[in-house]
Protein backbone atom coordinates (compact mmCIF):
# COMPACT_ATOMS: atom_id res chain seq x y z
CA MET A 1 -0.29 -0.30 -0.08
CA ARG A 2 2.54 2.30 0.96
CA TYR A 3 4.44 1.54 -2.57
CA LEU A 4 1.52 2.49 -4.60
CA VAL A 5 0.76 5.66 -2.23
CA ALA A 6 4.24 6.72 -3.16
CA LEU A 7 3.91 5.81 -6.95
CA VAL A 8 0.98 8.05 -6.68
CA LEU A 9 2.93 11.06 -5.07
CA ALA A 10 5.74 10.65 -7.36
CA ALA A 11 3.30 10.65 -10.39
CA VAL A 12 1.42 13.91 -9.08
CA LEU A 13 4.71 15.30 -8.39
CA LEU A 14 5.75 14.86 -11.87
CA ALA A 15 2.62 16.23 -13.30
CA VAL A 16 2.96 19.50 -11.25
CA ILE A 17 6.66 19.98 -12.48
CA TRP A 18 5.56 19.29 -16.12
CA PHE A 19 2.83 21.58 -15.86
CA ALA A 20 4.88 24.53 -13.98
CA ALA A 21 7.64 23.90 -16.77
CA GLY A 22 4.92 24.46 -19.52
CA TRP A 23 3.34 27.28 -18.13
CA TRP A 24 6.96 28.94 -18.10
CA ARG A 25 7.86 27.98 -21.40
CA GLY A 26 4.49 29.40 -22.68
CA LYS A 27 5.03 32.45 -20.45
CA ALA A 28 8.35 33.13 -22.25
CA VAL A 29 6.95 32.54 -25.76
CA ALA A 30 4.21 34.58 -25.01
CA ASP A 31 6.07 37.55 -23.63
CA THR A 32 5.46 39.61 -26.88
CA GLY A 33 5.58 43.26 -25.04
CA ALA A 34 1.65 43.56 -26.01
CA ASP A 35 0.86 45.05 -22.68
CA VAL A 36 3.79 47.77 -23.05
CA GLN A 37 3.06 48.65 -26.83
CA VAL A 38 0.86 51.31 -25.57
CA LEU A 39 4.07 53.10 -23.94
CA TYR A 40 6.04 53.41 -27.24
CA GLN A 41 2.97 54.76 -29.17
CA ALA A 42 3.28 58.58 -28.29
CA PRO A 43 6.15 60.18 -30.00
CA ARG A 44 9.47 60.23 -28.39
CA ALA A 45 11.04 63.45 -27.31
CA LEU A 46 14.61 64.25 -28.58
CA PRO A 47 17.04 66.64 -27.04
CA GLU A 48 17.37 70.12 -28.44
CA GLY A 49 20.45 70.36 -26.53
CA PRO A 50 23.73 68.25 -24.93
CA LEU A 51 22.93 65.50 -22.94
CA ARG A 52 24.44 64.09 -19.58
CA VAL A 53 24.42 60.21 -19.83
CA TYR A 54 25.17 57.75 -17.71
CA HIS A 55 26.46 54.55 -18.88
CA LEU A 56 26.17 51.27 -16.99
CA GLY A 57 27.58 48.05 -17.73
CA HIS A 58 31.18 46.08 -18.72
CA SER A 59 33.89 46.03 -20.87
CA LEU A 60 31.67 46.34 -24.19
CA VAL A 61 30.71 49.92 -23.00
CA GLY A 62 34.28 50.51 -21.81
CA ARG A 63 35.96 54.06 -21.48
CA ASP A 64 36.75 54.62 -24.92
CA MET A 65 33.12 54.47 -26.63
CA PRO A 66 31.95 56.96 -24.08
CA ALA A 67 34.85 59.18 -24.78
CA MET A 68 34.37 58.89 -28.54
CA LEU A 69 30.36 59.64 -28.25
CA ALA A 70 31.35 63.19 -25.99
CA GLN A 71 33.59 64.14 -28.80
CA MET A 72 30.91 63.63 -31.53
CA ALA A 73 28.09 65.17 -29.41
CA GLY A 74 30.31 68.39 -28.95
CA GLN A 75 30.47 70.93 -26.27
CA GLY A 76 28.24 70.48 -23.27
CA HIS A 77 27.83 66.60 -23.37
CA ASP A 78 29.00 65.16 -20.39
CA TYR A 79 29.06 61.46 -18.91
CA ALA A 80 29.45 58.90 -16.22
CA LEU A 81 29.94 55.34 -15.75
CA GLN A 82 30.20 52.21 -13.87
CA LEU A 83 31.77 49.35 -15.25
CA GLY A 84 33.02 45.71 -14.07
CA TRP A 85 34.74 42.80 -15.49
CA GLY A 86 31.73 41.06 -17.53
CA ALA A 87 29.46 42.33 -14.87
CA ALA A 88 25.77 41.32 -15.03
CA LEU A 89 23.13 44.19 -14.01
CA SER A 90 22.26 41.83 -11.11
CA GLU A 91 25.63 42.36 -9.65
CA HIS A 92 25.65 46.06 -10.42
CA TRP A 93 22.50 46.30 -8.45
CA ARG A 94 24.44 44.74 -5.05
CA GLY A 95 26.86 47.10 -5.15
CA PRO A 96 30.76 47.72 -6.10
CA GLU A 97 31.77 44.51 -3.74
CA ALA A 98 29.68 42.45 -5.97
CA VAL A 99 31.15 43.66 -9.10
CA ASN A 100 34.40 41.74 -10.58
CA GLY A 101 36.87 44.23 -11.53
CA TYR A 102 35.13 47.06 -10.21
CA ALA A 103 38.26 49.26 -8.82
CA GLN A 104 40.26 48.45 -11.80
CA GLU A 105 37.52 49.14 -14.51
CA ASN A 106 36.19 52.48 -12.51
CA ALA A 107 39.78 54.10 -12.10
CA THR A 108 38.69 56.95 -14.07
CA PRO A 109 37.61 60.45 -13.32
CA HIS A 110 34.02 59.75 -15.09
CA HIS A 111 33.36 56.95 -12.69
CA ARG A 112 30.42 57.55 -10.35
CA GLU A 113 28.79 54.61 -8.20
CA ALA A 114 25.57 53.78 -9.86
CA HIS A 115 22.95 53.90 -7.26
CA GLU A 116 24.51 57.89 -6.27
CA ALA A 117 24.10 58.67 -9.61
CA LEU A 118 20.62 57.64 -10.54
CA GLU A 119 19.49 59.23 -7.07
CA SER A 120 21.02 62.67 -8.03
CA GLY A 121 18.49 62.72 -11.00
CA ALA A 122 21.29 64.62 -12.80
CA TYR A 123 21.16 62.36 -15.87
CA ASP A 124 19.05 63.08 -19.04
CA ALA A 125 19.76 59.39 -20.03
CA PHE A 126 20.38 56.41 -18.48
CA VAL A 127 21.78 53.61 -20.60
CA MET A 128 22.65 49.97 -19.57
CA THR A 129 23.26 46.76 -21.20
CA GLU A 130 23.48 43.09 -19.68
CA MET A 131 26.69 40.86 -19.59
CA VAL A 132 27.58 38.38 -22.37
CA GLY A 133 26.76 35.33 -22.57
CA LEU A 134 23.27 36.45 -22.39
CA LYS A 135 21.64 33.27 -22.21
CA ASP A 136 23.75 32.64 -19.34
CA ALA A 137 22.70 36.10 -17.96
CA ILE A 138 19.13 35.47 -18.30
CA ALA A 139 19.10 31.89 -16.87
CA TYR A 140 21.36 32.38 -13.66
CA LYS A 141 22.01 36.30 -13.24
CA ASP A 142 18.22 37.29 -13.03
CA SER A 143 18.40 39.57 -15.95
CA ARG A 144 14.57 40.00 -16.03
CA ASN A 145 14.48 41.29 -12.25
CA ALA A 146 17.88 42.93 -12.61
CA VAL A 147 16.66 45.20 -15.40
CA GLY A 148 13.72 46.07 -14.18
CA LYS A 149 14.76 47.28 -10.56
CA TRP A 150 17.36 49.89 -12.68
CA ALA A 151 14.61 50.97 -14.94
CA ALA A 152 12.66 51.75 -12.29
CA GLU A 153 14.92 53.53 -10.20
CA ALA A 154 15.95 55.57 -13.04
CA ALA A 155 12.46 56.23 -13.87
CA ALA A 156 11.55 57.36 -10.13
CA ARG A 157 14.77 59.27 -9.69
CA ASN A 158 14.47 61.64 -12.93
CA PRO A 159 10.61 61.18 -14.31
CA GLN A 160 11.99 63.45 -17.48
CA GLY A 161 14.88 61.53 -17.89
CA GLN A 162 14.94 58.84 -21.10
CA ILE A 163 15.91 55.36 -20.44
CA PHE A 164 18.00 53.13 -22.87
CA LEU A 165 18.96 49.46 -23.49
CA TYR A 166 22.43 49.01 -25.33
CA GLU A 167 22.06 45.73 -27.35
CA SER A 168 25.41 44.20 -27.82
CA TRP A 169 26.49 40.75 -29.17
CA HIS A 170 27.94 37.30 -28.77
CA PRO A 171 31.43 36.42 -29.48
CA LEU A 172 32.44 35.41 -32.89
CA ASP A 173 33.64 31.89 -32.00
CA ASP A 174 30.13 31.23 -30.69
CA PRO A 175 29.21 27.72 -32.24
CA GLN A 176 25.88 29.00 -33.72
CA ASP A 177 26.09 31.19 -37.24
CA TRP A 178 27.22 34.79 -35.73
CA LEU A 179 25.39 36.75 -38.08
CA ALA A 180 22.07 34.63 -38.05
CA ARG A 181 22.24 35.00 -34.22
CA LEU A 182 22.25 38.55 -34.10
CA PRO A 183 18.62 38.94 -35.24
CA GLU A 184 17.48 36.14 -33.58
CA ASP A 185 19.15 37.22 -30.22
CA LEU A 186 17.21 40.38 -30.61
CA GLU A 187 13.65 38.84 -30.76
CA THR A 188 14.07 36.09 -28.86
CA MET A 189 16.22 37.43 -25.55
CA TRP A 190 16.79 41.04 -25.63
CA LYS A 191 13.38 42.16 -26.12
CA PRO A 192 11.16 39.81 -24.07
CA ASP A 193 13.77 39.23 -21.45
CA LEU A 194 15.37 42.72 -21.04
CA LEU A 195 13.31 45.47 -22.79
CA TRP A 196 10.02 44.43 -22.28
CA PRO A 197 10.56 43.94 -18.27
CA ALA A 198 12.42 47.28 -18.28
CA ALA A 199 9.49 48.97 -19.67
CA ARG A 200 6.78 47.38 -17.65
CA ALA A 201 8.74 48.38 -14.51
CA ALA A 202 9.76 51.62 -15.46
CA GLY A 203 6.10 52.62 -16.63
CA LYS A 204 7.86 54.44 -19.98
CA PRO A 205 9.36 53.16 -22.64
CA VAL A 206 12.81 52.13 -22.68
CA TRP A 207 14.71 52.87 -26.16
CA LEU A 208 16.80 50.62 -27.69
CA ILE A 209 20.30 51.05 -28.90
CA PRO A 210 20.61 48.51 -31.66
CA ALA A 211 24.42 48.19 -31.80
CA GLY A 212 24.50 44.29 -32.50
CA GLN A 213 22.01 44.97 -35.57
CA VAL A 214 24.11 47.87 -36.91
CA MET A 215 27.18 45.22 -36.84
CA ALA A 216 25.20 42.81 -38.27
CA ALA A 217 24.51 45.28 -41.29
CA VAL A 218 28.27 46.77 -41.55
CA VAL A 219 29.28 43.25 -41.69
CA ARG A 220 26.93 41.80 -44.26
CA GLU A 221 27.92 44.51 -46.62
CA ALA A 222 31.45 44.39 -45.87
CA GLU A 223 31.76 40.67 -46.49
CA ALA A 224 29.55 41.10 -49.43
CA GLY A 225 31.90 43.07 -51.87
CA GLY A 226 33.87 45.32 -49.14
CA ILE A 227 33.46 49.10 -47.73
CA ALA A 228 36.42 50.65 -48.91
CA GLU A 229 39.56 48.61 -46.45
CA LEU A 230 36.62 46.73 -44.43
CA THR A 231 36.09 43.22 -45.87
CA ALA A 232 35.46 40.89 -42.78
CA ARG A 233 34.34 41.08 -39.68
CA GLU A 234 37.63 40.26 -37.64
CA GLN A 235 38.99 43.61 -38.50
CA LEU A 236 36.29 45.20 -36.12
CA PHE A 237 37.80 43.26 -33.25
CA ALA A 238 40.76 43.84 -31.16
CA ARG A 239 43.98 41.44 -30.91
CA ASN A 240 45.36 39.80 -27.80
CA PRO A 241 48.71 40.56 -26.28
CA ASP A 242 49.84 37.42 -28.61
CA GLY A 243 48.40 38.40 -31.86
CA SER A 244 45.26 36.32 -31.63
CA LEU A 245 41.77 37.71 -32.40
CA ASP A 246 40.04 38.62 -29.28
CA THR A 247 36.57 37.70 -30.30
CA ILE A 248 34.40 39.64 -28.09
CA HIS A 249 36.50 43.06 -27.47
CA LEU A 250 36.36 45.71 -30.29
CA ASN A 251 38.91 47.31 -31.72
CA ASP A 252 39.04 51.30 -32.21
CA LEU A 253 37.04 50.95 -35.64
CA GLY A 254 34.28 48.54 -33.84
CA THR A 255 34.24 51.32 -31.22
CA TYR A 256 33.81 54.02 -33.49
CA ILE A 257 30.94 52.05 -34.87
CA VAL A 258 29.33 51.38 -31.54
CA ALA A 259 29.76 55.19 -30.66
CA LEU A 260 28.10 56.50 -33.69
CA THR A 261 24.86 54.11 -33.07
CA HIS A 262 24.65 55.49 -29.37
CA TYR A 263 25.04 59.11 -30.77
CA ALA A 264 22.22 58.72 -33.59
CA VAL A 265 19.83 57.10 -31.09
CA LEU A 266 20.35 58.99 -28.11
CA TYR A 267 20.57 62.64 -30.02
CA GLY A 268 18.12 61.32 -32.69
CA ARG A 269 20.35 62.90 -35.33
CA SER A 270 21.76 61.40 -38.14
CA PRO A 271 25.51 60.81 -37.68
CA VAL A 272 26.71 61.59 -41.30
CA GLY A 273 29.17 64.01 -41.31
CA LEU A 274 30.61 63.55 -37.75
CA PRO A 275 34.43 63.34 -37.56
CA ALA A 276 36.59 60.16 -37.82
CA ALA A 277 39.42 61.11 -36.17
CA LEU A 278 38.80 60.94 -32.62
CA ALA A 279 40.70 60.32 -29.30
CA LYS A 280 40.47 57.25 -26.62
CA ALA A 281 39.81 57.73 -23.10
CA ASP A 282 43.43 58.18 -22.24
CA GLY A 283 43.59 60.90 -24.99
CA SER A 284 45.85 58.96 -27.41
CA PRO A 285 44.43 59.42 -31.09
CA ALA A 286 42.06 56.41 -32.17
CA GLN A 287 42.81 54.46 -35.47
CA ALA A 288 40.87 56.47 -37.69
CA PRO A 289 38.61 54.75 -40.55
CA SER A 290 39.33 56.40 -44.11
CA PRO A 291 37.02 58.84 -45.10
CA GLU A 292 35.33 56.59 -47.52
CA LEU A 293 34.69 54.13 -45.03
CA ALA A 294 33.75 56.35 -42.18
CA ARG A 295 30.99 58.08 -44.23
CA ARG A 296 29.54 54.88 -45.59
CA LEU A 297 29.50 53.46 -41.41
CA GLN A 298 27.60 56.79 -40.93
CA ASP A 299 24.93 55.98 -43.53
CA ILE A 300 24.68 52.36 -42.59
CA VAL A 301 24.08 53.43 -38.81
CA TRP A 302 21.39 56.03 -39.46
CA GLN A 303 19.79 53.41 -42.01
CA VAL A 304 19.70 50.77 -39.09
CA VAL A 305 18.56 53.12 -36.39
CA ARG A 306 15.96 54.65 -38.39
CA ALA A 307 14.39 51.45 -39.54
CA GLN A 308 13.87 50.14 -35.79
CA PRO A 309 10.86 51.40 -34.16
CA LEU A 310 12.25 50.86 -30.64
CA THR A 311 14.87 53.58 -30.91
CA GLY A 312 11.96 56.22 -30.80
CA ILE A 313 13.34 57.72 -34.31
CA ALA A 314 10.57 58.09 -36.75
CA PRO A 315 12.00 57.26 -40.53
């Protein structure tokens, strides 16, 4: 009799687990953001003057990209940041002691502790990004909850400020096709697991900075026929000290593209005509693209940004 009861209880438990798993799968699949689409229907207010921007993330933000963005934006643009080694948003939320490489990555005059920065209400734009790989962040780093907490805090501290999600990319040596994954990841992870939860928590739009989609568009064109001196994706990525390819971190050219994308979205302006000769955060000159390449990159950035409704920039 005890054996029969145990079998029944085990069967019931398995059924409950199966039902719960199916419910969560259905919840994930069903999260189209339909309930937050109304937030995106009103036209986005675009800035008329310089911005104060706060960047939260890791080495795919880095120090050089915000510095390049500031040079593109010109006089009056100001920024602060908080970085970590592969830091997840949930780790940033818990504070400096939870962020690997906090002291090293933030040894810059532009660092300001994230909660303190938002509490000040001083920033017109709050830009956050999640760690790489994104699948692991969602599965193990509580991304949905963390992105919502940051969005809610930013909205509460500065109701007039705007919130942005910086979409990055995955390593070049990922087992899945790198180009194919970029649009797939936007639809299956960035939107349902980050953008929609952030907008719900904030009660306002969280706009997309589609750097991953821009990278995909640049690589497709470069590898199809070349864009001036750019012919392969590897030319956008850094090299390790031993000369091997760094499959996740960008070189100066890749960083320039990401800075252009931030400029186009944050300011709602075409990046065509912006300077290509820029300095890094330490003041040293970044390797500049040729005028032909710079102009075409600016065109591609603007095309992608205007074609993506979640940037808030009408075509």
